[in-house]
């Protein structure tokens, strides 16, 4: 008895449609207006009260909501990392930001990979385009290539997830490269958030000069140097391939 594969092909697009629906719902609801650094001090007191009353539940909810927003390719990565530090402290907040960013990016990657079904890669490989050269770099050393892109601040976070899924980059390289690639920025911004949380509590206006306080600039310097060192190593390894 012949079996039609049409329904199975249609189901490939279900994850992508869910991601698009989540993104559309976010924009249509107007919630994007609240995702700014200016809104964080306004709601700091109520958010902190919620965290103190339900620390574990709040932390899980924070990671889950940030992961969904990341999977939907919403511009929330920067705010998530800062907010994690403000509400949970530099190290714990950074851990939540790393977890949510990595899980959300993995969901985007898998959705695009499933929907593309290898056809996007076949189309890219037909000519000598920049995308074809990108595929060659991915094939040569997928871990280093993806790690270098994650550490490059000029490349949008969702673009790496979409591109890696479209060309079928190995998941066993994509996941750890993403995990390590987001860690420096999460630690940097998490400690920044932890440093300015006292300002939010006092109600004092935020001024750029306050970033030079020893309790803020110290951890930021250490984390920035570590991230820069990791980026240099990844780029030099990629150049050798």
C-alpha atoms as a PDB file:
ATOM      1  CA  UNK A   1       0.000   0.000   0.000  1.00  0.00           C
ATOM      2  CA  UNK A   2       1.667   3.302  -1.062  1.00  0.00           C
ATOM      3  CA  UNK A   3       2.395   5.806   1.628  1.00  0.00           C
ATOM      4  CA  UNK A   4       2.382   9.501   0.896  1.00  0.00           C
ATOM      5  CA  UNK A   5       5.267  11.565   2.235  1.00  0.00           C
ATOM      6  CA  UNK A   6       3.486  14.903   1.720  1.00  0.00           C
ATOM      7  CA  UNK A   7       2.222  15.218   5.328  1.00  0.00           C
ATOM      8  CA  UNK A   8       5.693  14.453   6.658  1.00  0.00           C
ATOM      9  CA  UNK A   9       7.165  17.152   4.430  1.00  0.00           C
ATOM     10  CA  UNK A  10       4.639  19.687   5.685  1.00  0.00           C
ATOM     11  CA  UNK A  11       5.452  18.849   9.307  1.00  0.00           C
ATOM     12  CA  UNK A  12       9.063  19.860   8.680  1.00  0.00           C
ATOM     13  CA  UNK A  13       7.967  23.484   8.664  1.00  0.00           C
ATOM     14  CA  UNK A  14       6.020  23.300  11.942  1.00  0.00           C
ATOM     15  CA  UNK A  15       8.939  24.405  14.192  1.00  0.00           C
ATOM     16  CA  UNK A  16       9.745  27.346  11.918  1.00  0.00           C
ATOM     17  CA  UNK A  17       6.091  28.382  11.861  1.00  0.00           C
ATOM     18  CA  UNK A  18       5.989  28.254  15.659  1.00  0.00           C
ATOM     19  CA  UNK A  19       9.061  30.480  15.840  1.00  0.00           C
ATOM     20  CA  UNK A  20       7.536  32.953  13.365  1.00  0.00           C
ATOM     21  CA  UNK A  21       4.258  32.947  15.296  1.00  0.00           C
ATOM     22  CA  UNK A  22       6.068  33.655  18.563  1.00  0.00           C
ATOM     23  CA  UNK A  23       7.967  36.534  16.991  1.00  0.00           C
ATOM     24  CA  UNK A  24       4.844  37.999  15.384  1.00  0.00           C
ATOM     25  CA  UNK A  25       2.903  37.718  18.639  1.00  0.00           C
ATOM     26  CA  UNK A  26       5.692  39.497  20.472  1.00  0.00           C
ATOM     27  CA  UNK A  27       5.730  42.448  18.090  1.00  0.00           C
ATOM     28  CA  UNK A  28       1.949  42.714  17.769  1.00  0.00           C
ATOM     29  CA  UNK A  29       1.486  42.634  21.552  1.00  0.00           C
ATOM     30  CA  UNK A  30       3.758  45.627  22.008  1.00  0.00           C
ATOM     31  CA  UNK A  31       5.977  43.809  24.508  1.00  0.00           C
ATOM     32  CA  UNK A  32       9.040  44.840  22.508  1.00  0.00           C
ATOM     33  CA  UNK A  33       8.678  48.329  24.017  1.00  0.00           C
ATOM     34  CA  UNK A  34       9.554  46.901  27.432  1.00  0.00           C
ATOM     35  CA  UNK A  35      12.771  45.263  26.240  1.00  0.00           C
ATOM     36  CA  UNK A  36      15.035  48.232  26.821  1.00  0.00           C
ATOM     37  CA  UNK A  37      17.561  49.128  29.480  1.00  0.00           C
ATOM     38  CA  UNK A  38      15.390  52.112  30.349  1.00  0.00           C
ATOM     39  CA  UNK A  39      12.515  49.844  31.379  1.00  0.00           C
ATOM     40  CA  UNK A  40      14.671  47.711  33.686  1.00  0.00           C
ATOM     41  CA  UNK A  41      15.047  50.329  36.465  1.00  0.00           C
ATOM     42  CA  UNK A  42      11.324  51.118  36.263  1.00  0.00           C
ATOM     43  CA  UNK A  43      10.341  47.529  37.109  1.00  0.00           C
ATOM     44  CA  UNK A  44      13.362  46.669  39.243  1.00  0.00           C
ATOM     45  CA  UNK A  45      11.590  46.761  42.618  1.00  0.00           C
ATOM     46  CA  UNK A  46       8.724  44.478  41.636  1.00  0.00           C
ATOM     47  CA  UNK A  47      10.994  42.065  39.776  1.00  0.00           C
ATOM     48  CA  UNK A  48      13.401  41.848  42.698  1.00  0.00           C
ATOM     49  CA  UNK A  49      10.518  41.238  45.117  1.00  0.00           C
ATOM     50  CA  UNK A  50       9.336  38.372  42.920  1.00  0.00           C
ATOM     51  CA  UNK A  51      12.833  36.872  42.804  1.00  0.00           C
ATOM     52  CA  UNK A  52      13.228  37.064  46.564  1.00  0.00           C
ATOM     53  CA  UNK A  53       9.811  35.526  47.191  1.00  0.00           C
ATOM     54  CA  UNK A  54      10.259  32.691  44.665  1.00  0.00           C
ATOM     55  CA  UNK A  55      13.981  32.442  43.829  1.00  0.00           C
ATOM     56  CA  UNK A  56      14.035  29.048  42.122  1.00  0.00           C
ATOM     57  CA  UNK A  57      10.760  29.488  40.241  1.00  0.00           C
ATOM     58  CA  UNK A  58      11.809  32.948  39.113  1.00  0.00           C
ATOM     59  CA  UNK A  59      15.144  31.676  37.877  1.00  0.00           C
ATOM     60  CA  UNK A  60      13.584  28.827  35.882  1.00  0.00           C
ATOM     61  CA  UNK A  61      10.985  31.225  34.445  1.00  0.00           C
ATOM     62  CA  UNK A  62      13.732  33.680  33.503  1.00  0.00           C
ATOM     63  CA  UNK A  63      15.740  31.008  31.673  1.00  0.00           C
ATOM     64  CA  UNK A  64      12.658  29.582  29.938  1.00  0.00           C
ATOM     65  CA  UNK A  65      11.312  32.961  28.788  1.00  0.00           C
ATOM     66  CA  UNK A  66      14.727  34.081  27.550  1.00  0.00           C
ATOM     67  CA  UNK A  67      15.217  30.774  25.708  1.00  0.00           C
ATOM     68  CA  UNK A  68      11.870  31.166  23.911  1.00  0.00           C
ATOM     69  CA  UNK A  69      12.700  34.763  22.978  1.00  0.00           C
ATOM     70  CA  UNK A  70      16.102  33.674  21.648  1.00  0.00           C
ATOM     71  CA  UNK A  71      14.564  30.811  19.659  1.00  0.00           C
ATOM     72  CA  UNK A  72      12.139  33.296  18.092  1.00  0.00           C
ATOM     73  CA  UNK A  73      15.142  35.405  16.992  1.00  0.00           C
ATOM     74  CA  UNK A  74      14.004  38.389  19.055  1.00  0.00           C
ATOM     75  CA  UNK A  75      16.585  41.080  19.937  1.00  0.00           C
ATOM     76  CA  UNK A  76      16.695  40.163  23.610  1.00  0.00           C
ATOM     77  CA  UNK A  77      20.159  38.630  24.100  1.00  0.00           C
ATOM     78  CA  UNK A  78      21.830  41.807  25.372  1.00  0.00           C
ATOM     79  CA  UNK A  79      18.997  42.677  27.744  1.00  0.00           C
ATOM     80  CA  UNK A  80      18.769  39.087  29.016  1.00  0.00           C
ATOM     81  CA  UNK A  81      22.431  39.074  29.995  1.00  0.00           C
ATOM     82  CA  UNK A  82      22.214  42.417  31.789  1.00  0.00           C
ATOM     83  CA  UNK A  83      18.901  41.590  33.475  1.00  0.00           C
ATOM     84  CA  UNK A  84      20.255  38.263  34.707  1.00  0.00           C
ATOM     85  CA  UNK A  85      23.058  40.057  36.510  1.00  0.00           C
ATOM     86  CA  UNK A  86      20.727  42.690  37.930  1.00  0.00           C
ATOM     87  CA  UNK A  87      18.262  40.178  39.368  1.00  0.00           C
ATOM     88  CA  UNK A  88      20.407  37.142  40.233  1.00  0.00           C
ATOM     89  CA  UNK A  89      23.971  38.405  40.531  1.00  0.00           C
ATOM     90  CA  UNK A  90      26.887  38.315  38.134  1.00  0.00           C
ATOM     91  CA  UNK A  91      27.738  34.600  38.130  1.00  0.00           C
ATOM     92  CA  UNK A  92      24.260  33.105  38.613  1.00  0.00           C
ATOM     93  CA  UNK A  93      22.683  35.551  36.183  1.00  0.00           C
ATOM     94  CA  UNK A  94      25.370  34.855  33.596  1.00  0.00           C
ATOM     95  CA  UNK A  95      24.759  31.123  33.977  1.00  0.00           C
ATOM     96  CA  UNK A  96      21.073  31.614  33.244  1.00  0.00           C
ATOM     97  CA  UNK A  97      21.856  33.808  30.243  1.00  0.00           C
ATOM     98  CA  UNK A  98      24.279  31.228  28.843  1.00  0.00           C
ATOM     99  CA  UNK A  99      21.731  28.433  29.313  1.00  0.00           C
ATOM    100  CA  UNK A 100      18.848  30.368  27.744  1.00  0.00           C
ATOM    101  CA  UNK A 101      20.921  31.669  24.827  1.00  0.00           C
ATOM    102  CA  UNK A 102      22.353  28.227  24.068  1.00  0.00           C
ATOM    103  CA  UNK A 103      19.017  26.408  24.313  1.00  0.00           C
ATOM    104  CA  UNK A 104      17.217  29.046  22.258  1.00  0.00           C
ATOM    105  CA  UNK A 105      19.936  29.034  19.605  1.00  0.00           C
ATOM    106  CA  UNK A 106      19.791  25.231  19.467  1.00  0.00           C
ATOM    107  CA  UNK A 107      16.035  25.394  18.877  1.00  0.00           C
ATOM    108  CA  UNK A 108      16.477  27.876  16.025  1.00  0.00           C
ATOM    109  CA  UNK A 109      19.216  25.747  14.481  1.00  0.00           C
ATOM    110  CA  UNK A 110      17.159  22.555  14.634  1.00  0.00           C
ATOM    111  CA  UNK A 111      14.044  24.248  13.237  1.00  0.00           C
ATOM    112  CA  UNK A 112      15.914  25.703  10.256  1.00  0.00           C
ATOM    113  CA  UNK A 113      17.804  22.467   9.643  1.00  0.00           C
ATOM    114  CA  UNK A 114      14.583  20.438   9.679  1.00  0.00           C
ATOM    115  CA  UNK A 115      12.758  22.835   7.372  1.00  0.00           C
ATOM    116  CA  UNK A 116      15.644  23.138   4.916  1.00  0.00           C
ATOM    117  CA  UNK A 117      16.135  19.377   4.677  1.00  0.00           C
ATOM    118  CA  UNK A 118      19.551  19.856   3.077  1.00  0.00           C
ATOM    119  CA  UNK A 119      18.136  21.688   0.046  1.00  0.00           C
ATOM    120  CA  UNK A 120      19.530  25.085   1.065  1.00  0.00           C
ATOM    121  CA  UNK A 121      23.030  23.626   1.246  1.00  0.00           C
ATOM    122  CA  UNK A 122      22.633  22.003  -2.166  1.00  0.00           C
ATOM    123  CA  UNK A 123      21.541  25.324  -3.638  1.00  0.00           C
ATOM    124  CA  UNK A 124      24.500  27.168  -2.041  1.00  0.00           C
ATOM    125  CA  UNK A 125      27.014  24.616  -3.346  1.00  0.00           C
ATOM    126  CA  UNK A 126      25.995  25.154  -6.971  1.00  0.00           C
ATOM    127  CA  UNK A 127      28.198  28.223  -7.497  1.00  0.00           C
ATOM    128  CA  UNK A 128      31.278  29.892  -6.050  1.00  0.00           C
ATOM    129  CA  UNK A 129      29.501  32.390  -3.822  1.00  0.00           C
ATOM    130  CA  UNK A 130      30.439  33.771  -0.390  1.00  0.00           C
ATOM    131  CA  UNK A 131      27.919  31.351   1.088  1.00  0.00           C
ATOM    132  CA  UNK A 132      29.691  28.465  -0.603  1.00  0.00           C
ATOM    133  CA  UNK A 133      32.981  29.552   0.966  1.00  0.00           C
ATOM    134  CA  UNK A 134      31.199  29.766   4.309  1.00  0.00           C
ATOM    135  CA  UNK A 135      30.112  26.145   3.880  1.00  0.00           C
ATOM    136  CA  UNK A 136      33.726  25.186   3.157  1.00  0.00           C
ATOM    137  CA  UNK A 137      34.856  26.820   6.409  1.00  0.00           C
ATOM    138  CA  UNK A 138      32.105  25.017   8.307  1.00  0.00           C
ATOM    139  CA  UNK A 139      33.159  21.689   6.809  1.00  0.00           C
ATOM    140  CA  UNK A 140      36.866  22.268   7.512  1.00  0.00           C
ATOM    141  CA  UNK A 141      36.503  23.061  11.217  1.00  0.00           C
ATOM    142  CA  UNK A 142      32.882  23.554  12.301  1.00  0.00           C
ATOM    143  CA  UNK A 143      33.624  24.109  15.988  1.00  0.00           C
ATOM    144  CA  UNK A 144      36.230  26.835  15.452  1.00  0.00           C
ATOM    145  CA  UNK A 145      34.233  28.493  12.660  1.00  0.00           C
ATOM    146  CA  UNK A 146      31.048  28.739  14.723  1.00  0.00           C
ATOM    147  CA  UNK A 147      32.956  29.764  17.856  1.00  0.00           C
ATOM    148  CA  UNK A 148      34.672  32.587  15.941  1.00  0.00           C
ATOM    149  CA  UNK A 149      31.306  33.825  14.666  1.00  0.00           C
ATOM    150  CA  UNK A 150      29.782  33.688  18.145  1.00  0.00           C
ATOM    151  CA  UNK A 151      32.676  35.728  19.532  1.00  0.00           C
ATOM    152  CA  UNK A 152      32.419  38.342  16.762  1.00  0.00           C
ATOM    153  CA  UNK A 153      30.152  41.125  18.100  1.00  0.00           C
ATOM    154  CA  UNK A 154      29.307  42.446  14.630  1.00  0.00           C
ATOM    155  CA  UNK A 155      27.504  39.234  13.602  1.00  0.00           C
ATOM    156  CA  UNK A 156      23.866  39.126  14.787  1.00  0.00           C
ATOM    157  CA  UNK A 157      23.229  36.241  17.181  1.00  0.00           C
ATOM    158  CA  UNK A 158      20.240  34.756  15.264  1.00  0.00           C
ATOM    159  CA  UNK A 159      22.140  34.916  11.957  1.00  0.00           C
ATOM    160  CA  UNK A 160      24.688  32.365  13.157  1.00  0.00           C
ATOM    161  CA  UNK A 161      21.946  29.965  14.281  1.00  0.00           C
ATOM    162  CA  UNK A 162      20.040  30.275  11.011  1.00  0.00           C
ATOM    163  CA  UNK A 163      23.132  29.938   8.816  1.00  0.00           C
ATOM    164  CA  UNK A 164      24.462  26.922  10.729  1.00  0.00           C
ATOM    165  CA  UNK A 165      21.110  25.155  10.511  1.00  0.00           C
ATOM    166  CA  UNK A 166      20.669  25.977   6.837  1.00  0.00           C
ATOM    167  CA  UNK A 167      24.006  24.417   5.829  1.00  0.00           C
ATOM    168  CA  UNK A 168      23.663  21.441   8.192  1.00  0.00           C
ATOM    169  CA  UNK A 169      26.623  22.244  10.442  1.00  0.00           C
ATOM    170  CA  UNK A 170      27.234  19.289  12.803  1.00  0.00           C
ATOM    171  CA  UNK A 171      25.190  19.739  15.963  1.00  0.00           C
ATOM    172  CA  UNK A 172      27.947  18.146  18.071  1.00  0.00           C
ATOM    173  CA  UNK A 173      30.169  21.083  17.068  1.00  0.00           C
ATOM    174  CA  UNK A 174      27.464  23.754  16.953  1.00  0.00           C
ATOM    175  CA  UNK A 175      26.167  23.261  20.498  1.00  0.00           C
ATOM    176  CA  UNK A 176      29.478  23.456  22.433  1.00  0.00           C
ATOM    177  CA  UNK A 177      30.740  26.284  20.190  1.00  0.00           C
ATOM    178  CA  UNK A 178      27.595  28.265  20.961  1.00  0.00           C
ATOM    179  CA  UNK A 179      27.875  27.482  24.669  1.00  0.00           C
ATOM    180  CA  UNK A 180      31.467  28.698  24.825  1.00  0.00           C
ATOM    181  CA  UNK A 181      30.861  31.563  22.421  1.00  0.00           C
ATOM    182  CA  UNK A 182      28.125  33.229  24.467  1.00  0.00           C
ATOM    183  CA  UNK A 183      29.872  32.767  27.826  1.00  0.00           C
ATOM    184  CA  UNK A 184      32.260  35.767  27.634  1.00  0.00           C
ATOM    185  CA  UNK A 185      29.505  38.247  26.741  1.00  0.00           C
ATOM    186  CA  UNK A 186      27.158  36.737  29.345  1.00  0.00           C
ATOM    187  CA  UNK A 187      29.788  37.046  32.074  1.00  0.00           C
ATOM    188  CA  UNK A 188      30.716  40.544  30.978  1.00  0.00           C
ATOM    189  CA  UNK A 189      27.161  41.874  30.861  1.00  0.00           C
ATOM    190  CA  UNK A 190      26.069  39.818  33.871  1.00  0.00           C
ATOM    191  CA  UNK A 191      28.706  41.468  36.052  1.00  0.00           C
ATOM    192  CA  UNK A 192      27.767  44.813  34.583  1.00  0.00           C
ATOM    193  CA  UNK A 193      24.158  44.194  35.604  1.00  0.00           C
ATOM    194  CA  UNK A 194      25.200  43.113  39.086  1.00  0.00           C
ATOM    195  CA  UNK A 195      27.286  46.255  39.438  1.00  0.00           C
ATOM    196  CA  UNK A 196      24.482  48.642  38.509  1.00  0.00           C
ATOM    197  CA  UNK A 197      21.774  46.837  40.495  1.00  0.00           C
ATOM    198  CA  UNK A 198      22.604  48.978  43.499  1.00  0.00           C
ATOM    199  CA  UNK A 199      21.866  52.067  41.439  1.00  0.00           C
ATOM    200  CA  UNK A 200      18.453  50.733  40.538  1.00  0.00           C
ATOM    201  CA  UNK A 201      17.711  50.060  44.200  1.00  0.00           C
ATOM    202  CA  UNK A 202      18.686  53.593  45.230  1.00  0.00           C
ATOM    203  CA  UNK A 203      16.778  55.198  42.396  1.00  0.00           C
ATOM    204  CA  UNK A 204      19.871  57.157  41.308  1.00  0.00           C
ATOM    205  CA  UNK A 205      20.174  57.938  37.592  1.00  0.00           C
ATOM    206  CA  UNK A 206      22.569  55.809  35.601  1.00  0.00           C
ATOM    207  CA  UNK A 207      25.686  57.648  34.425  1.00  0.00           C
ATOM    208  CA  UNK A 208      28.492  56.240  32.301  1.00  0.00           C
ATOM    209  CA  UNK A 209      31.129  57.400  34.812  1.00  0.00           C
ATOM    210  CA  UNK A 210      29.776  54.896  37.332  1.00  0.00           C
ATOM    211  CA  UNK A 211      31.137  52.038  35.210  1.00  0.00           C
ATOM    212  CA  UNK A 212      34.625  52.980  36.380  1.00  0.00           C
ATOM    213  CA  UNK A 213      33.887  52.014  39.978  1.00  0.00           C
ATOM    214  CA  UNK A 214      36.314  49.269  41.147  1.00  0.00           C
ATOM    215  CA  UNK A 215      33.522  46.790  41.929  1.00  0.00           C
ATOM    216  CA  UNK A 216      32.278  47.094  38.345  1.00  0.00           C
ATOM    217  CA  UNK A 217      35.348  47.713  36.212  1.00  0.00           C
ATOM    218  CA  UNK A 218      37.394  44.950  37.891  1.00  0.00           C
ATOM    219  CA  UNK A 219      35.230  41.947  36.920  1.00  0.00           C
ATOM    220  CA  UNK A 220      34.447  43.513  33.549  1.00  0.00           C
ATOM    221  CA  UNK A 221      38.145  43.851  32.726  1.00  0.00           C
ATOM    222  CA  UNK A 222      38.938  40.255  33.674  1.00  0.00           C
ATOM    223  CA  UNK A 223      36.045  38.840  31.662  1.00  0.00           C
ATOM    224  CA  UNK A 224      36.760  41.091  28.662  1.00  0.00           C
ATOM    225  CA  UNK A 225      40.402  39.976  28.560  1.00  0.00           C
ATOM    226  CA  UNK A 226      39.361  36.333  28.789  1.00  0.00           C
ATOM    227  CA  UNK A 227      36.868  36.753  25.953  1.00  0.00           C
ATOM    228  CA  UNK A 228      39.412  38.597  23.787  1.00  0.00           C
ATOM    229  CA  UNK A 229      41.971  35.842  24.362  1.00  0.00           C
ATOM    230  CA  UNK A 230      39.457  33.162  23.374  1.00  0.00           C
ATOM    231  CA  UNK A 231      38.552  35.103  20.223  1.00  0.00           C
ATOM    232  CA  UNK A 232      42.201  35.457  19.177  1.00  0.00           C
ATOM    233  CA  UNK A 233      42.837  31.737  19.677  1.00  0.00           C
ATOM    234  CA  UNK A 234      39.737  30.779  17.681  1.00  0.00           C
ATOM    235  CA  UNK A 235      40.575  33.120  14.807  1.00  0.00           C
ATOM    236  CA  UNK A 236      44.196  31.961  14.617  1.00  0.00           C
ATOM    237  CA  UNK A 237      43.127  28.333  14.566  1.00  0.00           C
ATOM    238  CA  UNK A 238      40.615  29.081  11.841  1.00  0.00           C
ATOM    239  CA  UNK A 239      43.311  30.825   9.768  1.00  0.00           C
ATOM    240  CA  UNK A 240      45.448  27.690   9.812  1.00  0.00           C
ATOM    241  CA  UNK A 241      42.672  25.531   8.322  1.00  0.00           C
END
